[in-house]
């Protein structure tokens, strides 16, 4: 996966919450633009339970209708799936199976990440078990 960008906005819980609560639906989730570790400008899409729930409920029909096999397969490959995983994904029909598999692919790719302070706290907690 990509390195976590260094954005002052991403280290301010109050600011992130404010940005996320402004979202009222539509095609674009809230985002911030900042620099990655290599100094390149990146756009970070912000998502929390509130914004994600609104976005996916609003767009559910688009995501769960019959998959178009070549596009579904390429989407899975773009996320870093194996050929076999991409082929399996492209053959799914049930909305529940599509969502479960898509979520698994996103988790595997690292596209969904904890906010930096949450990742730090989880890491510290896990280390207590070593």
C-alpha atoms as a PDB file:
ATOM      1  CA  UNK A   1       0.000   0.000   0.000  1.00  0.00           C
ATOM      2  CA  UNK A   2       0.881   3.651  -0.091  1.00  0.00           C
ATOM      3  CA  UNK A   3       2.466   5.553   2.771  1.00  0.00           C
ATOM      4  CA  UNK A   4       0.067   7.525   4.925  1.00  0.00           C
ATOM      5  CA  UNK A   5       0.171  11.157   3.757  1.00  0.00           C
ATOM      6  CA  UNK A   6       1.325  13.829   6.186  1.00  0.00           C
ATOM      7  CA  UNK A   7      -1.555  16.270   6.467  1.00  0.00           C
ATOM      8  CA  UNK A   8      -1.983  18.618   9.403  1.00  0.00           C
ATOM      9  CA  UNK A   9      -5.743  18.174   8.931  1.00  0.00           C
ATOM     10  CA  UNK A  10      -5.428  14.416   9.465  1.00  0.00           C
ATOM     11  CA  UNK A  11      -4.011  14.879  12.955  1.00  0.00           C
ATOM     12  CA  UNK A  12      -6.875  17.064  14.139  1.00  0.00           C
ATOM     13  CA  UNK A  13      -9.853  14.972  15.199  1.00  0.00           C
ATOM     14  CA  UNK A  14     -12.131  17.997  15.621  1.00  0.00           C
ATOM     15  CA  UNK A  15     -11.332  19.243  12.105  1.00  0.00           C
ATOM     16  CA  UNK A  16     -11.841  15.781  10.559  1.00  0.00           C
ATOM     17  CA  UNK A  17     -15.154  15.413  12.347  1.00  0.00           C
ATOM     18  CA  UNK A  18     -16.250  18.851  11.144  1.00  0.00           C
ATOM     19  CA  UNK A  19     -15.338  18.016   7.533  1.00  0.00           C
ATOM     20  CA  UNK A  20     -17.134  14.662   7.662  1.00  0.00           C
ATOM     21  CA  UNK A  21     -20.311  16.079   9.202  1.00  0.00           C
ATOM     22  CA  UNK A  22     -20.655  18.554   6.333  1.00  0.00           C
ATOM     23  CA  UNK A  23     -21.239  15.656   3.945  1.00  0.00           C
ATOM     24  CA  UNK A  24     -24.904  15.367   3.038  1.00  0.00           C
ATOM     25  CA  UNK A  25     -24.683  12.954   0.138  1.00  0.00           C
ATOM     26  CA  UNK A  26     -23.632  13.203  -3.460  1.00  0.00           C
ATOM     27  CA  UNK A  27     -20.973  11.743  -5.666  1.00  0.00           C
ATOM     28  CA  UNK A  28     -17.930  13.058  -3.819  1.00  0.00           C
ATOM     29  CA  UNK A  29     -16.964  12.235  -0.242  1.00  0.00           C
ATOM     30  CA  UNK A  30     -15.102  14.967   1.695  1.00  0.00           C
ATOM     31  CA  UNK A  31     -11.359  15.123   1.110  1.00  0.00           C
ATOM     32  CA  UNK A  32      -8.168  16.976   1.995  1.00  0.00           C
ATOM     33  CA  UNK A  33      -5.190  17.624  -0.243  1.00  0.00           C
ATOM     34  CA  UNK A  34      -1.732  17.213   1.247  1.00  0.00           C
ATOM     35  CA  UNK A  35       1.788  15.903   0.661  1.00  0.00           C
ATOM     36  CA  UNK A  36       2.873  12.263   0.790  1.00  0.00           C
ATOM     37  CA  UNK A  37       6.259  11.063   2.063  1.00  0.00           C
ATOM     38  CA  UNK A  38       7.794  11.733  -1.372  1.00  0.00           C
ATOM     39  CA  UNK A  39       6.522  15.310  -1.441  1.00  0.00           C
ATOM     40  CA  UNK A  40       3.868  14.606  -4.056  1.00  0.00           C
ATOM     41  CA  UNK A  41       0.436  16.168  -3.715  1.00  0.00           C
ATOM     42  CA  UNK A  42      -2.259  13.602  -2.934  1.00  0.00           C
ATOM     43  CA  UNK A  43      -5.980  13.770  -2.316  1.00  0.00           C
ATOM     44  CA  UNK A  44      -7.105  11.848   0.768  1.00  0.00           C
ATOM     45  CA  UNK A  45     -10.773  10.895   0.802  1.00  0.00           C
ATOM     46  CA  UNK A  46     -12.180  11.118   4.301  1.00  0.00           C
ATOM     47  CA  UNK A  47     -14.648   8.549   5.437  1.00  0.00           C
ATOM     48  CA  UNK A  48     -16.216   7.731   8.736  1.00  0.00           C
ATOM     49  CA  UNK A  49     -19.227   5.647   9.615  1.00  0.00           C
ATOM     50  CA  UNK A  50     -21.629   8.572   9.051  1.00  0.00           C
ATOM     51  CA  UNK A  51     -20.360   9.650   5.605  1.00  0.00           C
ATOM     52  CA  UNK A  52     -19.737   6.097   4.428  1.00  0.00           C
ATOM     53  CA  UNK A  53     -23.240   4.996   5.394  1.00  0.00           C
ATOM     54  CA  UNK A  54     -24.824   7.918   3.504  1.00  0.00           C
ATOM     55  CA  UNK A  55     -22.624   7.440   0.445  1.00  0.00           C
ATOM     56  CA  UNK A  56     -23.150   3.698   0.076  1.00  0.00           C
ATOM     57  CA  UNK A  57     -26.879   3.815   0.796  1.00  0.00           C
ATOM     58  CA  UNK A  58     -27.230   6.497  -1.855  1.00  0.00           C
ATOM     59  CA  UNK A  59     -25.164   4.549  -4.418  1.00  0.00           C
ATOM     60  CA  UNK A  60     -26.101   0.988  -3.454  1.00  0.00           C
ATOM     61  CA  UNK A  61     -27.944   0.303  -6.691  1.00  0.00           C
ATOM     62  CA  UNK A  62     -24.868   1.133  -8.749  1.00  0.00           C
ATOM     63  CA  UNK A  63     -22.659  -1.162  -6.705  1.00  0.00           C
ATOM     64  CA  UNK A  64     -24.913  -4.168  -6.474  1.00  0.00           C
ATOM     65  CA  UNK A  65     -26.458  -4.524  -9.920  1.00  0.00           C
ATOM     66  CA  UNK A  66     -25.080  -7.178 -12.230  1.00  0.00           C
ATOM     67  CA  UNK A  67     -21.311  -6.778 -12.417  1.00  0.00           C
ATOM     68  CA  UNK A  68     -19.809  -6.116 -15.820  1.00  0.00           C
ATOM     69  CA  UNK A  69     -17.170  -8.830 -15.881  1.00  0.00           C
ATOM     70  CA  UNK A  70     -14.206  -7.059 -17.540  1.00  0.00           C
ATOM     71  CA  UNK A  71     -14.594  -3.919 -15.402  1.00  0.00           C
ATOM     72  CA  UNK A  72     -15.164  -5.886 -12.195  1.00  0.00           C
ATOM     73  CA  UNK A  73     -12.113  -8.018 -12.858  1.00  0.00           C
ATOM     74  CA  UNK A  74      -9.951  -4.973 -13.623  1.00  0.00           C
ATOM     75  CA  UNK A  75     -11.222  -3.181 -10.507  1.00  0.00           C
ATOM     76  CA  UNK A  76     -10.192  -6.140  -8.367  1.00  0.00           C
ATOM     77  CA  UNK A  77      -6.778  -6.327 -10.059  1.00  0.00           C
ATOM     78  CA  UNK A  78      -6.281  -2.585  -9.483  1.00  0.00           C
ATOM     79  CA  UNK A  79      -6.772  -3.258  -5.773  1.00  0.00           C
ATOM     80  CA  UNK A  80      -3.972  -5.811  -5.866  1.00  0.00           C
ATOM     81  CA  UNK A  81      -5.987  -9.012  -6.022  1.00  0.00           C
ATOM     82  CA  UNK A  82      -4.581 -12.124  -7.608  1.00  0.00           C
ATOM     83  CA  UNK A  83      -5.905 -13.239 -11.013  1.00  0.00           C
ATOM     84  CA  UNK A  84      -7.897 -15.951  -9.254  1.00  0.00           C
ATOM     85  CA  UNK A  85      -9.441 -13.478  -6.775  1.00  0.00           C
ATOM     86  CA  UNK A  86     -10.301 -11.058  -9.588  1.00  0.00           C
ATOM     87  CA  UNK A  87     -11.953 -13.835 -11.587  1.00  0.00           C
ATOM     88  CA  UNK A  88     -13.955 -14.954  -8.547  1.00  0.00           C
ATOM     89  CA  UNK A  89     -15.068 -11.382  -7.845  1.00  0.00           C
ATOM     90  CA  UNK A  90     -16.173 -10.833 -11.440  1.00  0.00           C
ATOM     91  CA  UNK A  91     -18.478 -13.878 -11.248  1.00  0.00           C
ATOM     92  CA  UNK A  92     -20.424 -12.838  -8.123  1.00  0.00           C
ATOM     93  CA  UNK A  93     -24.138 -12.018  -8.399  1.00  0.00           C
ATOM     94  CA  UNK A  94     -25.521 -11.550  -4.900  1.00  0.00           C
ATOM     95  CA  UNK A  95     -25.232  -7.983  -3.542  1.00  0.00           C
ATOM     96  CA  UNK A  96     -24.156  -9.383  -0.161  1.00  0.00           C
ATOM     97  CA  UNK A  97     -21.405 -11.494  -1.742  1.00  0.00           C
ATOM     98  CA  UNK A  98     -20.249  -8.543  -3.867  1.00  0.00           C
ATOM     99  CA  UNK A  99     -20.003  -6.270  -0.802  1.00  0.00           C
ATOM    100  CA  UNK A 100     -18.289  -8.913   1.330  1.00  0.00           C
ATOM    101  CA  UNK A 101     -15.712  -9.663  -1.361  1.00  0.00           C
ATOM    102  CA  UNK A 102     -15.140  -5.975  -2.205  1.00  0.00           C
ATOM    103  CA  UNK A 103     -14.610  -5.197   1.486  1.00  0.00           C
ATOM    104  CA  UNK A 104     -12.141  -8.069   1.801  1.00  0.00           C
ATOM    105  CA  UNK A 105     -10.209  -6.818  -1.248  1.00  0.00           C
ATOM    106  CA  UNK A 106     -10.120  -3.271   0.145  1.00  0.00           C
ATOM    107  CA  UNK A 107      -8.877  -4.539   3.506  1.00  0.00           C
ATOM    108  CA  UNK A 108      -6.237  -6.708   1.857  1.00  0.00           C
ATOM    109  CA  UNK A 109      -4.978  -3.784  -0.236  1.00  0.00           C
ATOM    110  CA  UNK A 110      -4.680  -1.460   2.751  1.00  0.00           C
ATOM    111  CA  UNK A 111      -7.008   1.095   1.179  1.00  0.00           C
ATOM    112  CA  UNK A 112      -8.946   1.275   4.430  1.00  0.00           C
ATOM    113  CA  UNK A 113      -6.718   2.466   7.243  1.00  0.00           C
ATOM    114  CA  UNK A 114      -7.045   3.680  10.783  1.00  0.00           C
ATOM    115  CA  UNK A 115      -6.515   7.345  11.463  1.00  0.00           C
ATOM    116  CA  UNK A 116      -2.894   7.827  12.632  1.00  0.00           C
ATOM    117  CA  UNK A 117      -3.707   8.250  16.313  1.00  0.00           C
ATOM    118  CA  UNK A 118      -5.998   5.205  16.286  1.00  0.00           C
ATOM    119  CA  UNK A 119      -3.284   3.118  14.573  1.00  0.00           C
ATOM    120  CA  UNK A 120      -0.787   4.254  17.228  1.00  0.00           C
ATOM    121  CA  UNK A 121      -3.163   3.331  20.069  1.00  0.00           C
ATOM    122  CA  UNK A 122      -3.969  -0.062  18.530  1.00  0.00           C
ATOM    123  CA  UNK A 123      -0.255  -0.772  18.057  1.00  0.00           C
ATOM    124  CA  UNK A 124       0.454   0.132  21.691  1.00  0.00           C
ATOM    125  CA  UNK A 125      -2.423  -2.080  22.850  1.00  0.00           C
ATOM    126  CA  UNK A 126      -1.275  -5.044  20.747  1.00  0.00           C
ATOM    127  CA  UNK A 127       2.267  -4.701  22.112  1.00  0.00           C
ATOM    128  CA  UNK A 128       0.933  -5.262  25.624  1.00  0.00           C
ATOM    129  CA  UNK A 129       0.283  -8.877  24.556  1.00  0.00           C
ATOM    130  CA  UNK A 130       3.847  -9.555  23.354  1.00  0.00           C
END
